[in-house]
Amino acid sequence: MKKTIITVLGKDKVGIIAKVCVYLSNNNINILDIAQTIVDGYFNMMMVVDCSAASKDHDMIADELNDIGKELGVQIKAQQEEIFNMMHRI
């Protein structure tokens, strides 16, 4: 399984989750886990997804999600699980 961690952060607005989930579905990426919160109008979401059957490579997915984030006025980052774990280990 090729896991990727997707994070979304920014001012809350209608359609953030929908836009990200439609993109993932259209690219055959399965959501394994998702958590989101809104604190004082700020949206924060973290997803763990399986990219094993994805129709695109990781770099293209990350770039396209970044572009979606720009459209929505939020920051979207996609990191491969191994890199995410290395960056966040104690």
PDB file of N, CA and C in Angstrom:
ATOM      1  N   MET A   1       0.846  -1.182   0.000  1.00  0.00           N
ATOM      2  CA  MET A   1       0.000   0.000   0.000  1.00  0.00           C
ATOM      3  C   MET A   1       0.891   1.245   0.000  1.00  0.00           C
ATOM      4  N   LYS A   2       0.583   2.192  -0.861  1.00  0.00           N
ATOM      5  CA  LYS A   2       1.331   3.444  -0.949  1.00  0.00           C
ATOM      6  C   LYS A   2       0.522   4.540  -0.259  1.00  0.00           C
ATOM      7  N   LYS A   3       0.842   4.794   1.008  1.00  0.00           N
ATOM      8  CA  LYS A   3       0.092   5.798   1.762  1.00  0.00           C
ATOM      9  C   LYS A   3       0.681   7.188   1.562  1.00  0.00           C
ATOM     10  N   THR A   4      -0.232   8.156   1.503  1.00  0.00           N
ATOM     11  CA  THR A   4       0.124   9.565   1.413  1.00  0.00           C
ATOM     12  C   THR A   4      -0.651  10.319   2.481  1.00  0.00           C
ATOM     13  N   ILE A   5      -0.012  11.298   3.097  1.00  0.00           N
ATOM     14  CA  ILE A   5      -0.652  12.156   4.090  1.00  0.00           C
ATOM     15  C   ILE A   5      -0.977  13.480   3.410  1.00  0.00           C
ATOM     16  N   ILE A   6      -2.246  13.864   3.460  1.00  0.00           N
ATOM     17  CA  ILE A   6      -2.695  15.131   2.874  1.00  0.00           C
ATOM     18  C   ILE A   6      -3.144  16.035   4.011  1.00  0.00           C
ATOM     19  N   THR A   7      -2.631  17.257   4.033  1.00  0.00           N
ATOM     20  CA  THR A   7      -3.059  18.232   5.031  1.00  0.00           C
ATOM     21  C   THR A   7      -3.631  19.449   4.323  1.00  0.00           C
ATOM     22  N   VAL A   8      -4.680  20.007   4.932  1.00  0.00           N
ATOM     23  CA  VAL A   8      -5.344  21.189   4.392  1.00  0.00           C
ATOM     24  C   VAL A   8      -5.502  22.183   5.539  1.00  0.00           C
ATOM     25  N   LEU A   9      -5.096  23.425   5.312  1.00  0.00           N
ATOM     26  CA  LEU A   9      -5.168  24.446   6.354  1.00  0.00           C
ATOM     27  C   LEU A   9      -5.521  25.791   5.735  1.00  0.00           C
ATOM     28  N   GLY A  10      -6.468  26.491   6.365  1.00  0.00           N
ATOM     29  CA  GLY A  10      -6.816  27.824   5.895  1.00  0.00           C
ATOM     30  C   GLY A  10      -8.156  28.282   6.432  1.00  0.00           C
ATOM     31  N   LYS A  11      -8.601  29.439   5.954  1.00  0.00           N
ATOM     32  CA  LYS A  11      -9.895  29.974   6.354  1.00  0.00           C
ATOM     33  C   LYS A  11     -10.983  29.034   5.860  1.00  0.00           C
ATOM     34  N   ASP A  12     -11.959  28.748   6.717  1.00  0.00           N
ATOM     35  CA  ASP A  12     -13.039  27.852   6.354  1.00  0.00           C
ATOM     36  C   ASP A  12     -13.929  28.475   5.280  1.00  0.00           C
ATOM     37  N   LYS A  13     -14.386  27.627   4.373  1.00  0.00           N
ATOM     38  CA  LYS A  13     -15.362  28.044   3.365  1.00  0.00           C
ATOM     39  C   LYS A  13     -16.078  26.798   2.853  1.00  0.00           C
ATOM     40  N   VAL A  14     -17.188  26.993   2.226  1.00  0.00           N
ATOM     41  CA  VAL A  14     -17.979  25.889   1.693  1.00  0.00           C
ATOM     42  C   VAL A  14     -17.221  25.179   0.577  1.00  0.00           C
ATOM     43  N   GLY A  15     -17.216  23.850   0.604  1.00  0.00           N
ATOM     44  CA  GLY A  15     -16.721  23.058  -0.512  1.00  0.00           C
ATOM     45  C   GLY A  15     -15.303  22.545  -0.432  1.00  0.00           C
ATOM     46  N   ILE A  16     -14.590  22.835   0.649  1.00  0.00           N
ATOM     47  CA  ILE A  16     -13.191  22.380   0.725  1.00  0.00           C
ATOM     48  C   ILE A  16     -13.123  20.854   0.678  1.00  0.00           C
ATOM     49  N   ILE A  17     -13.839  20.202   1.571  1.00  0.00           N
ATOM     50  CA  ILE A  17     -13.795  18.730   1.629  1.00  0.00           C
ATOM     51  C   ILE A  17     -14.301  18.145   0.315  1.00  0.00           C
ATOM     52  N   ALA A  18     -15.392  18.697  -0.208  1.00  0.00           N
ATOM     53  CA  ALA A  18     -15.970  18.185  -1.452  1.00  0.00           C
ATOM     54  C   ALA A  18     -14.964  18.252  -2.594  1.00  0.00           C
ATOM     55  N   LYS A  19     -14.306  19.382  -2.746  1.00  0.00           N
ATOM     56  CA  LYS A  19     -13.364  19.569  -3.859  1.00  0.00           C
ATOM     57  C   LYS A  19     -12.193  18.581  -3.755  1.00  0.00           C
ATOM     58  N   VAL A  20     -11.655  18.412  -2.554  1.00  0.00           N
ATOM     59  CA  VAL A  20     -10.535  17.484  -2.361  1.00  0.00           C
ATOM     60  C   VAL A  20     -10.988  16.046  -2.605  1.00  0.00           C
ATOM     61  N   CYS A  21     -12.141  15.675  -2.055  1.00  0.00           N
ATOM     62  CA  CYS A  21     -12.624  14.299  -2.201  1.00  0.00           C
ATOM     63  C   CYS A  21     -12.971  13.954  -3.646  1.00  0.00           C
ATOM     64  N   VAL A  22     -13.545  14.893  -4.386  1.00  0.00           N
ATOM     65  CA  VAL A  22     -13.841  14.653  -5.803  1.00  0.00           C
ATOM     66  C   VAL A  22     -12.539  14.430  -6.571  1.00  0.00           C
ATOM     67  N   TYR A  23     -11.522  15.250  -6.289  1.00  0.00           N
ATOM     68  CA  TYR A  23     -10.222  15.065  -6.941  1.00  0.00           C
ATOM     69  C   TYR A  23      -9.673  13.665  -6.646  1.00  0.00           C
ATOM     70  N   LEU A  24      -9.704  13.274  -5.382  1.00  0.00           N
ATOM     71  CA  LEU A  24      -9.172  11.962  -5.008  1.00  0.00           C
ATOM     72  C   LEU A  24      -9.931  10.848  -5.721  1.00  0.00           C
ATOM     73  N   SER A  25     -11.236  10.921  -5.724  1.00  0.00           N
ATOM     74  CA  SER A  25     -12.062   9.909  -6.390  1.00  0.00           C
ATOM     75  C   SER A  25     -11.762   9.838  -7.877  1.00  0.00           C
ATOM     76  N   ASN A  26     -11.655  10.982  -8.524  1.00  0.00           N
ATOM     77  CA  ASN A  26     -11.384  11.018  -9.965  1.00  0.00           C
ATOM     78  C   ASN A  26     -10.029  10.429 -10.319  1.00  0.00           C
ATOM     79  N   ASN A  27      -9.125  10.359  -9.346  1.00  0.00           N
ATOM     80  CA  ASN A  27      -7.778   9.828  -9.583  1.00  0.00           C
ATOM     81  C   ASN A  27      -7.556   8.475  -8.918  1.00  0.00           C
ATOM     82  N   ASN A  28      -8.659   7.813  -8.544  1.00  0.00           N
ATOM     83  CA  ASN A  28      -8.618   6.453  -7.987  1.00  0.00           C
ATOM     84  C   ASN A  28      -7.766   6.367  -6.718  1.00  0.00           C
ATOM     85  N   ILE A  29      -7.906   7.384  -5.860  1.00  0.00           N
ATOM     86  CA  ILE A  29      -7.181   7.436  -4.591  1.00  0.00           C
ATOM     87  C   ILE A  29      -8.186   7.194  -3.476  1.00  0.00           C
ATOM     88  N   ASN A  30      -7.919   6.202  -2.641  1.00  0.00           N
ATOM     89  CA  ASN A  30      -8.849   5.799  -1.586  1.00  0.00           C
ATOM     90  C   ASN A  30      -8.518   6.478  -0.257  1.00  0.00           C
ATOM     91  N   ILE A  31      -9.527   7.038   0.393  1.00  0.00           N
ATOM     92  CA  ILE A  31      -9.349   7.655   1.711  1.00  0.00           C
ATOM     93  C   ILE A  31      -9.390   6.558   2.758  1.00  0.00           C
ATOM     94  N   LEU A  32      -8.314   6.447   3.547  1.00  0.00           N
ATOM     95  CA  LEU A  32      -8.237   5.451   4.613  1.00  0.00           C
ATOM     96  C   LEU A  32      -8.664   6.031   5.952  1.00  0.00           C
ATOM     97  N   ASP A  33      -8.350   7.302   6.182  1.00  0.00           N
ATOM     98  CA  ASP A  33      -8.696   7.967   7.444  1.00  0.00           C
ATOM     99  C   ASP A  33      -8.771   9.463   7.180  1.00  0.00           C
ATOM    100  N   ILE A  34      -9.650  10.115   7.917  1.00  0.00           N
ATOM    101  CA  ILE A  34      -9.815  11.559   7.737  1.00  0.00           C
ATOM    102  C   ILE A  34     -10.229  12.173   9.064  1.00  0.00           C
ATOM    103  N   ALA A  35      -9.649  13.328   9.366  1.00  0.00           N
ATOM    104  CA  ALA A  35     -10.027  14.094  10.565  1.00  0.00           C
ATOM    105  C   ALA A  35     -10.009  15.561  10.174  1.00  0.00           C
ATOM    106  N   GLN A  36     -11.014  16.297  10.634  1.00  0.00           N
ATOM    107  CA  GLN A  36     -11.041  17.727  10.343  1.00  0.00           C
ATOM    108  C   GLN A  36     -11.652  18.479  11.509  1.00  0.00           C
ATOM    109  N   THR A  37     -11.161  19.678  11.678  1.00  0.00           N
ATOM    110  CA  THR A  37     -11.686  20.558  12.722  1.00  0.00           C
ATOM    111  C   THR A  37     -11.786  21.971  12.164  1.00  0.00           C
ATOM    112  N   ILE A  38     -12.647  22.743  12.791  1.00  0.00           N
ATOM    113  CA  ILE A  38     -12.746  24.161  12.492  1.00  0.00           C
ATOM    114  C   ILE A  38     -12.630  24.883  13.823  1.00  0.00           C
ATOM    115  N   VAL A  39     -11.640  25.742  13.940  1.00  0.00           N
ATOM    116  CA  VAL A  39     -11.403  26.493  15.171  1.00  0.00           C
ATOM    117  C   VAL A  39     -11.426  27.974  14.825  1.00  0.00           C
ATOM    118  N   ASP A  40     -12.386  28.671  15.384  1.00  0.00           N
ATOM    119  CA  ASP A  40     -12.508  30.121  15.184  1.00  0.00           C
ATOM    120  C   ASP A  40     -12.437  30.518  13.710  1.00  0.00           C
ATOM    121  N   GLY A  41     -13.104  29.722  12.862  1.00  0.00           N
ATOM    122  CA  GLY A  41     -13.162  30.030  11.441  1.00  0.00           C
ATOM    123  C   GLY A  41     -12.012  29.494  10.614  1.00  0.00           C
ATOM    124  N   TYR A  42     -11.073  28.787  11.235  1.00  0.00           N
ATOM    125  CA  TYR A  42      -9.941  28.204  10.510  1.00  0.00           C
ATOM    126  C   TYR A  42     -10.143  26.706  10.350  1.00  0.00           C
ATOM    127  N   PHE A  43      -9.996  26.252   9.128  1.00  0.00           N
ATOM    128  CA  PHE A  43     -10.217  24.856   8.747  1.00  0.00           C
ATOM    129  C   PHE A  43      -8.897  24.098   8.786  1.00  0.00           C
ATOM    130  N   ASN A  44      -8.917  22.899   9.373  1.00  0.00           N
ATOM    131  CA  ASN A  44      -7.740  22.045   9.434  1.00  0.00           C
ATOM    132  C   ASN A  44      -8.186  20.614   9.149  1.00  0.00           C
ATOM    133  N   MET A  45      -7.578  19.979   8.159  1.00  0.00           N
ATOM    134  CA  MET A  45      -7.935  18.600   7.832  1.00  0.00           C
ATOM    135  C   MET A  45      -6.671  17.799   7.573  1.00  0.00           C
ATOM    136  N   MET A  46      -6.706  16.556   8.025  1.00  0.00           N
ATOM    137  CA  MET A  46      -5.624  15.618   7.752  1.00  0.00           C
ATOM    138  C   MET A  46      -6.252  14.336   7.223  1.00  0.00           C
ATOM    139  N   MET A  47      -5.699  13.851   6.131  1.00  0.00           N
ATOM    140  CA  MET A  47      -6.197  12.621   5.519  1.00  0.00           C
ATOM    141  C   MET A  47      -5.036  11.654   5.320  1.00  0.00           C
ATOM    142  N   VAL A  48      -5.324  10.376   5.490  1.00  0.00           N
ATOM    143  CA  VAL A  48      -4.395   9.327   5.106  1.00  0.00           C
ATOM    144  C   VAL A  48      -5.068   8.626   3.933  1.00  0.00           C
ATOM    145  N   VAL A  49      -4.376   8.587   2.800  1.00  0.00           N
ATOM    146  CA  VAL A  49      -4.961   8.015   1.592  1.00  0.00           C
ATOM    147  C   VAL A  49      -4.055   6.931   1.021  1.00  0.00           C
ATOM    148  N   ASP A  50      -4.659   6.030   0.259  1.00  0.00           N
ATOM    149  CA  ASP A  50      -3.921   4.966  -0.421  1.00  0.00           C
ATOM    150  C   ASP A  50      -3.821   5.328  -1.897  1.00  0.00           C
ATOM    151  N   CYS A  51      -2.601   5.519  -2.359  1.00  0.00           N
ATOM    152  CA  CYS A  51      -2.363   5.913  -3.752  1.00  0.00           C
ATOM    153  C   CYS A  51      -1.903   4.742  -4.620  1.00  0.00           C
ATOM    154  N   SER A  52      -2.054   3.512  -4.125  1.00  0.00           N
ATOM    155  CA  SER A  52      -1.569   2.344  -4.866  1.00  0.00           C
ATOM    156  C   SER A  52      -2.161   2.242  -6.265  1.00  0.00           C
ATOM    157  N   ALA A  53      -3.431   2.586  -6.402  1.00  0.00           N
ATOM    158  CA  ALA A  53      -4.108   2.468  -7.705  1.00  0.00           C
ATOM    159  C   ALA A  53      -4.267   3.819  -8.392  1.00  0.00           C
ATOM    160  N   ALA A  54      -3.558   4.818  -7.902  1.00  0.00           N
ATOM    161  CA  ALA A  54      -3.692   6.174  -8.458  1.00  0.00           C
ATOM    162  C   ALA A  54      -3.322   6.204  -9.933  1.00  0.00           C
ATOM    163  N   SER A  55      -4.016   7.080 -10.648  1.00  0.00           N
ATOM    164  CA  SER A  55      -3.775   7.203 -12.085  1.00  0.00           C
ATOM    165  C   SER A  55      -2.614   8.144 -12.407  1.00  0.00           C
ATOM    166  N   LYS A  56      -2.034   8.785 -11.386  1.00  0.00           N
ATOM    167  CA  LYS A  56      -0.927   9.728 -11.576  1.00  0.00           C
ATOM    168  C   LYS A  56       0.163   9.444 -10.542  1.00  0.00           C
ATOM    169  N   ASP A  57       1.371   9.965 -10.782  1.00  0.00           N
ATOM    170  CA  ASP A  57       2.449   9.781  -9.809  1.00  0.00           C
ATOM    171  C   ASP A  57       2.310  10.800  -8.670  1.00  0.00           C
ATOM    172  N   HIS A  58       3.085  10.574  -7.614  1.00  0.00           N
ATOM    173  CA  HIS A  58       2.965  11.393  -6.401  1.00  0.00           C
ATOM    174  C   HIS A  58       3.189  12.880  -6.680  1.00  0.00           C
ATOM    175  N   ASP A  59       4.217  13.207  -7.434  1.00  0.00           N
ATOM    176  CA  ASP A  59       4.532  14.620  -7.684  1.00  0.00           C
ATOM    177  C   ASP A  59       3.387  15.339  -8.392  1.00  0.00           C
ATOM    178  N   MET A  60       2.768  14.670  -9.354  1.00  0.00           N
ATOM    179  CA  MET A  60       1.656  15.286 -10.072  1.00  0.00           C
ATOM    180  C   MET A  60       0.456  15.476  -9.139  1.00  0.00           C
ATOM    181  N   ILE A  61       0.179  14.478  -8.314  1.00  0.00           N
ATOM    182  CA  ILE A  61      -0.921  14.575  -7.344  1.00  0.00           C
ATOM    183  C   ILE A  61      -0.673  15.746  -6.400  1.00  0.00           C
ATOM    184  N   ALA A  62       0.537  15.824  -5.859  1.00  0.00           N
ATOM    185  CA  ALA A  62       0.876  16.903  -4.927  1.00  0.00           C
ATOM    186  C   ALA A  62       0.731  18.271  -5.596  1.00  0.00           C
ATOM    187  N   ASP A  63       1.190  18.400  -6.831  1.00  0.00           N
ATOM    188  CA  ASP A  63       1.089  19.678  -7.558  1.00  0.00           C
ATOM    189  C   ASP A  63      -0.365  20.057  -7.827  1.00  0.00           C
ATOM    190  N   GLU A  64      -1.154  19.084  -8.242  1.00  0.00           N
ATOM    191  CA  GLU A  64      -2.562  19.365  -8.546  1.00  0.00           C
ATOM    192  C   GLU A  64      -3.354  19.705  -7.283  1.00  0.00           C
ATOM    193  N   LEU A  65      -3.055  19.015  -6.177  1.00  0.00           N
ATOM    194  CA  LEU A  65      -3.719  19.366  -4.911  1.00  0.00           C
ATOM    195  C   LEU A  65      -3.303  20.766  -4.467  1.00  0.00           C
ATOM    196  N   ASN A  66      -2.049  21.109  -4.662  1.00  0.00           N
ATOM    197  CA  ASN A  66      -1.576  22.457  -4.343  1.00  0.00           C
ATOM    198  C   ASN A  66      -2.352  23.494  -5.158  1.00  0.00           C
ATOM    199  N   ASP A  67      -2.577  23.206  -6.434  1.00  0.00           N
ATOM    200  CA  ASP A  67      -3.350  24.111  -7.294  1.00  0.00           C
ATOM    201  C   ASP A  67      -4.798  24.247  -6.819  1.00  0.00           C
ATOM    202  N   ILE A  68      -5.383  23.137  -6.391  1.00  0.00           N
ATOM    203  CA  ILE A  68      -6.748  23.181  -5.848  1.00  0.00           C
ATOM    204  C   ILE A  68      -6.766  24.054  -4.600  1.00  0.00           C
ATOM    205  N   GLY A  69      -5.750  23.923  -3.766  1.00  0.00           N
ATOM    206  CA  GLY A  69      -5.643  24.753  -2.570  1.00  0.00           C
ATOM    207  C   GLY A  69      -5.600  26.231  -2.917  1.00  0.00           C
ATOM    208  N   LYS A  70      -4.834  26.581  -3.936  1.00  0.00           N
ATOM    209  CA  LYS A  70      -4.762  27.983  -4.364  1.00  0.00           C
ATOM    210  C   LYS A  70      -6.125  28.483  -4.816  1.00  0.00           C
ATOM    211  N   GLU A  71      -6.862  27.652  -5.567  1.00  0.00           N
ATOM    212  CA  GLU A  71      -8.213  28.015  -6.006  1.00  0.00           C
ATOM    213  C   GLU A  71      -9.128  28.294  -4.818  1.00  0.00           C
ATOM    214  N   LEU A  72      -8.978  27.469  -3.769  1.00  0.00           N
ATOM    215  CA  LEU A  72      -9.855  27.563  -2.601  1.00  0.00           C
ATOM    216  C   LEU A  72      -9.360  28.569  -1.559  1.00  0.00           C
ATOM    217  N   GLY A  73      -8.129  29.041  -1.718  1.00  0.00           N
ATOM    218  CA  GLY A  73      -7.565  29.954  -0.732  1.00  0.00           C
ATOM    219  C   GLY A  73      -7.085  29.260   0.526  1.00  0.00           C
ATOM    220  N   VAL A  74      -6.705  27.983   0.400  1.00  0.00           N
ATOM    221  CA  VAL A  74      -6.160  27.210   1.521  1.00  0.00           C
ATOM    222  C   VAL A  74      -4.842  26.589   1.076  1.00  0.00           C
ATOM    223  N   GLN A  75      -4.105  26.050   2.037  1.00  0.00           N
ATOM    224  CA  GLN A  75      -2.836  25.382   1.736  1.00  0.00           C
ATOM    225  C   GLN A  75      -3.070  23.875   1.785  1.00  0.00           C
ATOM    226  N   ILE A  76      -2.755  23.187   0.695  1.00  0.00           N
ATOM    227  CA  ILE A  76      -2.880  21.725   0.649  1.00  0.00           C
ATOM    228  C   ILE A  76      -1.512  21.137   0.359  1.00  0.00           C
ATOM    229  N   LYS A  77      -1.089  20.228   1.228  1.00  0.00           N
ATOM    230  CA  LYS A  77       0.196  19.543   1.048  1.00  0.00           C
ATOM    231  C   LYS A  77      -0.049  18.041   1.025  1.00  0.00           C
ATOM    232  N   ALA A  78       0.662  17.349   0.151  1.00  0.00           N
ATOM    233  CA  ALA A  78       0.608  15.892   0.079  1.00  0.00           C
ATOM    234  C   ALA A  78       2.028  15.372   0.244  1.00  0.00           C
ATOM    235  N   GLN A  79       2.209  14.494   1.227  1.00  0.00           N
ATOM    236  CA  GLN A  79       3.542  13.927   1.484  1.00  0.00           C
ATOM    237  C   GLN A  79       3.437  12.412   1.560  1.00  0.00           C
ATOM    238  N   GLN A  80       4.406  11.745   0.970  1.00  0.00           N
ATOM    239  CA  GLN A  80       4.441  10.292   1.101  1.00  0.00           C
ATOM    240  C   GLN A  80       4.624   9.946   2.571  1.00  0.00           C
ATOM    241  N   GLU A  81       4.022   8.858   2.994  1.00  0.00           N
ATOM    242  CA  GLU A  81       4.017   8.478   4.412  1.00  0.00           C
ATOM    243  C   GLU A  81       5.427   8.400   5.001  1.00  0.00           C
ATOM    244  N   GLU A  82       6.363   7.840   4.269  1.00  0.00           N
ATOM    245  CA  GLU A  82       7.727   7.689   4.797  1.00  0.00           C
ATOM    246  C   GLU A  82       8.350   9.046   5.098  1.00  0.00           C
ATOM    247  N   ILE A  83       8.158   9.993   4.204  1.00  0.00           N
ATOM    248  CA  ILE A  83       8.737  11.331   4.388  1.00  0.00           C
ATOM    249  C   ILE A  83       8.042  12.040   5.539  1.00  0.00           C
ATOM    250  N   PHE A  84       6.719  11.933   5.591  1.00  0.00           N
ATOM    251  CA  PHE A  84       5.957  12.553   6.672  1.00  0.00           C
ATOM    252  C   PHE A  84       6.446  12.022   8.028  1.00  0.00           C
ATOM    253  N   ASN A  85       6.611  10.710   8.131  1.00  0.00           N
ATOM    254  CA  ASN A  85       7.080  10.098   9.389  1.00  0.00           C
ATOM    255  C   ASN A  85       8.476  10.573   9.759  1.00  0.00           C
ATOM    256  N   MET A  86       9.354  10.683   8.789  1.00  0.00           N
ATOM    257  CA  MET A  86      10.726  11.142   9.064  1.00  0.00           C
ATOM    258  C   MET A  86      10.724  12.583   9.567  1.00  0.00           C
ATOM    259  N   MET A  87       9.860  13.423   8.999  1.00  0.00           N
ATOM    260  CA  MET A  87       9.815  14.838   9.371  1.00  0.00           C
ATOM    261  C   MET A  87       9.185  15.047  10.744  1.00  0.00           C
ATOM    262  N   HIS A  88       8.361  14.107  11.196  1.00  0.00           N
ATOM    263  CA  HIS A  88       7.616  14.306  12.426  1.00  0.00           C
ATOM    264  C   HIS A  88       7.984  13.316  13.539  1.00  0.00           C
ATOM    265  N   ARG A  89       9.111  12.690  13.419  1.00  0.00           N
ATOM    266  CA  ARG A  89       9.513  11.785  14.499  1.00  0.00           C
ATOM    267  C   ARG A  89      10.194  12.584  15.618  1.00  0.00           C
ATOM    268  N   ILE A  90      10.100  12.064  16.809  1.00  0.00           N
ATOM    269  CA  ILE A  90      10.650  12.757  17.970  1.00  0.00           C
ATOM    270  C   ILE A  90      12.008  12.188  18.305  1.00  0.00           C
TER     271      ILE A  90
END
